[in-house]
Protein backbone atom coordinates (compact mmCIF):
# COMPACT_ATOMS: atom_id res chain seq x y z
CA MET A 1 6.70 16.98 -2.82
CA ARG A 2 9.04 14.27 -4.13
CA VAL A 3 7.11 11.16 -5.14
CA ALA A 4 8.59 7.89 -6.40
CA LEU A 5 6.77 5.16 -8.29
CA PHE A 6 7.40 1.63 -7.06
CA VAL A 7 6.09 -0.30 -10.03
CA THR A 8 6.49 -3.86 -8.54
CA CYS A 9 7.75 -7.01 -10.28
CA VAL A 10 4.40 -8.15 -11.67
CA ASN A 11 3.64 -4.80 -13.26
CA ASP A 12 7.16 -4.28 -14.56
CA THR A 13 7.22 -7.72 -16.17
CA LEU A 14 3.63 -8.28 -17.27
CA TYR A 15 1.60 -5.08 -16.91
CA PRO A 16 3.77 -2.04 -17.75
CA ARG A 17 0.67 -0.11 -18.79
CA THR A 18 -0.41 -0.03 -15.16
CA GLY A 19 2.75 1.76 -14.10
CA GLN A 20 2.40 4.14 -17.04
CA ALA A 21 -1.19 4.82 -16.01
CA VAL A 22 -0.08 5.74 -12.48
CA VAL A 23 2.40 8.28 -13.87
CA THR A 24 -0.21 9.69 -16.28
CA LEU A 25 -2.75 10.03 -13.48
CA LEU A 26 -0.43 11.61 -10.91
CA GLU A 27 1.08 14.05 -13.40
CA ARG A 28 -2.43 15.11 -14.42
CA LEU A 29 -3.01 15.92 -10.76
CA GLY A 30 0.12 18.05 -10.61
CA VAL A 31 2.44 15.52 -8.96
CA GLU A 32 6.00 15.19 -10.21
CA VAL A 33 6.86 11.48 -10.30
CA ASP A 34 10.31 9.89 -10.31
CA PHE A 35 11.07 6.31 -11.27
CA PRO A 36 14.23 5.06 -9.51
CA ALA A 37 15.62 2.57 -12.01
CA ALA A 38 17.52 0.61 -9.35
CA GLN A 39 14.32 -0.64 -7.71
CA THR A 40 13.78 -4.39 -7.51
CA CYS A 41 11.44 -6.82 -5.75
CA CYS A 42 10.15 -5.90 -2.27
CA GLY A 43 10.77 -9.47 -1.07
CA GLN A 44 7.17 -10.58 -0.72
CA PRO A 45 7.51 -13.89 -2.65
CA GLN A 46 10.50 -14.93 -0.55
CA TYR A 47 8.95 -13.90 2.75
CA ASN A 48 5.60 -15.56 2.05
CA THR A 49 7.35 -18.80 1.11
CA GLY A 50 9.28 -18.87 4.38
CA TYR A 51 12.62 -17.48 3.23
CA ARG A 52 12.79 -14.71 5.81
CA HIS A 53 16.54 -14.14 5.72
CA GLU A 54 16.52 -13.98 1.92
CA SER A 55 13.98 -11.13 2.17
CA GLU A 56 16.27 -8.95 4.28
CA PRO A 57 18.63 -7.72 1.52
CA LEU A 58 15.57 -6.66 -0.48
CA LEU A 59 14.28 -4.64 2.47
CA ARG A 60 17.65 -2.88 2.73
CA HIS A 61 17.73 -2.22 -1.00
CA TYR A 62 14.18 -0.85 -0.99
CA ALA A 63 15.11 1.58 1.79
CA GLU A 64 18.25 2.70 -0.06
CA VAL A 65 16.55 3.16 -3.44
CA PHE A 66 13.65 5.19 -2.07
CA ALA A 67 15.60 7.26 0.45
CA GLY A 68 14.89 10.99 0.16
CA TYR A 69 11.42 10.75 -1.33
CA ASP A 70 8.46 12.22 0.53
CA HIS A 71 6.14 9.46 -0.67
CA ILE A 72 6.48 6.08 -2.38
CA VAL A 73 3.39 5.14 -4.42
CA THR A 74 2.61 1.73 -5.87
CA PRO A 75 -0.34 0.18 -7.73
CA SER A 76 -0.19 -2.98 -5.60
CA GLY A 77 -1.93 -3.49 -2.30
CA SER A 78 -0.02 -6.70 -1.65
CA CYS A 79 3.40 -5.10 -2.06
CA VAL A 80 2.40 -2.19 0.17
CA ALA A 81 1.25 -4.74 2.74
CA MET A 82 4.67 -6.40 2.54
CA VAL A 83 6.39 -3.11 3.31
CA ARG A 84 4.05 -1.84 5.99
CA ASP A 85 3.13 -5.10 7.73
CA ASN A 86 6.10 -7.41 7.23
CA TYR A 87 9.13 -5.11 7.05
CA PRO A 88 8.72 -4.22 10.75
CA ARG A 89 8.49 -7.94 11.55
CA LEU A 90 11.75 -8.58 9.73
CA GLY A 91 13.45 -5.79 11.64
CA ALA A 92 12.09 -6.97 14.99
CA ARG A 93 13.20 -10.56 14.37
CA ALA A 94 16.71 -9.45 13.37
CA ARG A 95 17.00 -7.43 16.57
CA ALA A 96 15.66 -10.33 18.66
CA GLU A 97 18.30 -12.59 17.11
CA GLY A 98 21.04 -10.23 18.27
CA ARG A 99 21.83 -8.80 14.85
CA GLY A 100 21.32 -5.18 15.84
CA GLY A 101 18.73 -2.60 14.92
CA ALA A 102 19.87 -1.59 11.41
CA LEU A 103 17.20 -3.61 9.67
CA ALA A 104 14.47 -2.23 11.92
CA GLU A 105 15.72 1.29 11.22
CA ALA A 106 15.65 0.66 7.48
CA ALA A 107 12.07 -0.61 7.76
CA ALA A 108 11.01 2.38 9.87
CA SER A 109 12.42 4.74 7.25
CA VAL A 110 10.04 3.53 4.52
CA VAL A 111 6.92 2.21 6.28
CA PRO A 112 5.21 5.59 6.85
CA ARG A 113 6.08 6.82 3.33
CA THR A 114 4.79 3.85 1.32
CA TYR A 115 1.24 4.16 -0.06
CA GLU A 116 -1.07 2.11 -2.21
CA LEU A 117 -2.33 4.33 -5.05
CA THR A 118 -5.88 4.88 -3.78
CA GLU A 119 -4.57 5.72 -0.29
CA PHE A 120 -2.27 8.33 -1.79
CA LEU A 121 -5.03 9.89 -3.86
CA VAL A 122 -7.62 10.05 -1.09
CA ASP A 123 -5.50 10.49 2.05
CA VAL A 124 -2.53 12.51 0.81
CA LEU A 125 -3.83 14.46 -2.19
CA GLY A 126 -7.36 14.65 -0.77
CA VAL A 127 -9.13 13.92 -4.05
CA THR A 128 -11.78 11.46 -5.21
CA ASP A 129 -12.64 13.11 -8.54
CA VAL A 130 -9.46 12.72 -10.60
CA GLY A 131 -11.01 13.89 -13.88
CA ALA A 132 -11.43 10.40 -15.30
CA TYR A 133 -13.83 9.22 -18.00
CA TYR A 134 -14.51 5.54 -18.61
CA PRO A 135 -17.73 4.61 -20.48
CA HIS A 136 -18.13 1.04 -19.21
CA THR A 137 -20.03 -0.97 -16.63
CA VAL A 138 -17.51 -1.89 -13.94
CA THR A 139 -17.49 -4.12 -10.88
CA TYR A 140 -14.82 -3.98 -8.19
CA HIS A 141 -13.13 -6.88 -6.40
CA PRO A 142 -11.36 -5.80 -3.18
CA THR A 143 -8.22 -7.91 -2.97
CA CYS A 144 -7.30 -9.54 0.34
CA HIS A 145 -4.23 -7.47 1.20
CA GLY A 146 -5.99 -4.22 0.39
CA LEU A 147 -9.12 -5.21 2.25
CA ARG A 148 -7.71 -6.98 5.30
CA VAL A 149 -4.16 -5.71 5.82
CA LEU A 150 -4.28 -2.14 4.53
CA GLY A 151 -7.92 -1.47 5.32
CA LEU A 152 -8.52 0.41 2.07
CA GLY A 153 -12.23 0.32 2.77
CA ASP A 154 -14.29 2.63 0.56
CA ARG A 155 -11.37 4.50 -1.04
CA PRO A 156 -11.33 2.61 -4.38
CA LEU A 157 -15.12 2.78 -4.63
CA ALA A 158 -15.15 6.49 -3.81
CA LEU A 159 -12.78 7.07 -6.71
CA LEU A 160 -14.77 4.88 -9.10
CA ARG A 161 -18.04 6.64 -8.25
CA GLN A 162 -16.58 9.93 -9.49
CA VAL A 163 -15.53 8.59 -12.91
CA ARG A 164 -17.69 10.09 -15.63
CA GLY A 165 -19.43 7.58 -17.91
CA LEU A 166 -18.76 4.70 -15.54
CA LYS A 167 -21.60 2.57 -14.19
CA LEU A 168 -20.52 0.81 -11.00
CA VAL A 169 -22.27 -2.47 -10.16
CA GLU A 170 -21.97 -4.40 -6.91
CA LEU A 171 -20.16 -7.72 -6.78
CA ALA A 172 -21.81 -10.39 -4.63
CA GLY A 173 -19.38 -11.90 -2.13
CA ALA A 174 -16.89 -9.17 -2.94
CA ASP A 175 -14.95 -9.76 0.27
CA GLU A 176 -14.28 -13.41 -0.60
CA CYS A 177 -10.76 -14.26 -1.80
CA CYS A 178 -10.33 -14.91 -5.53
CA GLY A 179 -8.07 -17.86 -4.75
CA PHE A 180 -4.75 -16.50 -5.95
CA GLY A 181 -2.82 -15.88 -2.73
CA GLY A 182 0.59 -15.89 -4.44
CA THR A 183 2.28 -19.24 -3.84
CA PHE A 184 -1.04 -20.56 -2.47
CA ALA A 185 -2.21 -20.91 -6.08
CA VAL A 186 0.80 -23.11 -6.82
CA LYS A 187 0.79 -25.21 -3.66
CA ASN A 188 -2.99 -25.64 -3.51
CA ALA A 189 -3.93 -25.48 -7.16
CA ALA A 190 -7.24 -27.33 -6.93
CA VAL A 191 -8.56 -25.19 -4.08
CA SER A 192 -7.27 -22.04 -5.79
CA ALA A 193 -9.04 -22.95 -9.04
CA ALA A 194 -12.31 -23.68 -7.22
CA MET A 195 -12.18 -20.32 -5.44
CA GLY A 196 -11.39 -18.61 -8.72
CA ALA A 197 -14.36 -20.29 -10.38
CA ASP A 198 -16.68 -19.03 -7.64
CA LYS A 199 -15.34 -15.51 -8.07
CA ALA A 200 -15.65 -15.66 -11.86
CA ARG A 201 -19.28 -16.79 -11.64
CA ALA A 202 -20.06 -13.89 -9.31
CA ILE A 203 -18.35 -11.44 -11.66
CA ASP A 204 -20.23 -12.74 -14.71
CA ALA A 205 -23.51 -12.43 -12.79
CA THR A 206 -23.00 -8.67 -12.39
CA GLY A 207 -23.36 -8.04 -16.12
CA ALA A 208 -20.26 -5.83 -16.00
CA ASP A 209 -17.96 -5.23 -18.96
CA VAL A 210 -14.94 -4.79 -16.71
CA VAL A 211 -13.72 -6.11 -13.34
CA CYS A 212 -11.11 -4.02 -11.59
CA THR A 213 -8.85 -4.47 -8.58
CA VAL A 214 -5.85 -2.71 -7.00
CA ASP A 215 -3.58 -5.76 -7.57
CA ASN A 216 -2.60 -7.14 -10.96
CA SER A 217 -1.48 -10.39 -9.34
CA CYS A 218 -5.06 -11.17 -8.31
CA GLN A 219 -6.23 -9.69 -11.60
CA THR A 220 -4.14 -12.30 -13.42
CA HIS A 221 -5.84 -15.14 -11.58
CA ILE A 222 -9.30 -13.66 -12.09
CA GLY A 223 -8.63 -12.85 -15.74
CA GLY A 224 -7.32 -16.32 -16.49
CA THR A 225 -10.34 -17.94 -14.86
CA LEU A 226 -12.75 -15.68 -16.74
CA SER A 227 -10.98 -16.43 -20.01
CA ARG A 228 -11.24 -20.18 -19.52
CA ARG A 229 -14.97 -19.75 -18.88
CA GLY A 230 -15.30 -17.91 -22.18
CA SER A 231 -16.37 -14.76 -20.34
CA ALA A 232 -16.36 -11.40 -22.11
CA VAL A 233 -15.56 -9.51 -18.88
CA ARG A 234 -12.19 -7.75 -19.09
CA PRO A 235 -9.84 -7.42 -16.10
CA VAL A 236 -8.48 -3.87 -15.82
CA HIS A 237 -6.37 -2.34 -13.04
CA LEU A 238 -8.02 0.56 -11.24
CA ALA A 239 -5.11 2.85 -12.18
CA GLU A 240 -5.88 2.42 -15.87
CA ILE A 241 -9.51 3.40 -15.32
CA LEU A 242 -8.56 6.49 -13.32
CA ALA A 243 -5.95 7.51 -15.90
CA SER A 244 -8.51 7.40 -18.73
CA THR A 245 -10.04 10.62 -20.06
CA GLU A 246 -12.52 11.51 -22.80
CA GLY A 247 -9.61 11.99 -25.16
CA ARG A 248 -7.84 8.78 -24.15
CA VAL A 249 -9.61 5.74 -22.75
CA LEU A 250 -7.01 3.13 -21.81
């Protein structure tokens, strides 16, 4: 099995520990992980802002960089959603515009091989107990792309329930957006901040030490809002929790 890590722009730039945690976790489970250094952005920011044609070279590059791998794993539900949901749209539009089927073929070559981390663990490796230890009270926020586009469902919770030392507490209104939404937070700052405040209040009400998600982009918005409230709740990516052991709690 040849597995490649797609670390994503946000993690590469701001949260390298998340990518490191994915490698630590997968190697502990016996998976050999490669990191293709030529990888770049998947094109989600451009596509979501309306620059469809500017996203196309990034689709082609993604397909080239990850060619030959059995699976592509990433700790970002939103970037997986870009590949699986929007790459086929880009290919279909290019074909409809008379530009041939090359883009659609490139999309088809990576869509079935690209997995969000919890999907890969549960669906491909068939595990929920990954040998993790994390002695904290944790609540989980299901991010919009993971919840609504990928349909991750109970996978992240199933993994968290098997972590030794972890107390999992329910988050009220968990399925409500945190307000980030990528460029939505920039274009509609007041609405985004109000949604973030609602989410932060719900998180504080759980009494948890830690709030985790499968997207560090949403985690940034949640963490910033919690910080401005003076909250002691720490935002931690799910990968870092699952990579933790009794000898090394991240």
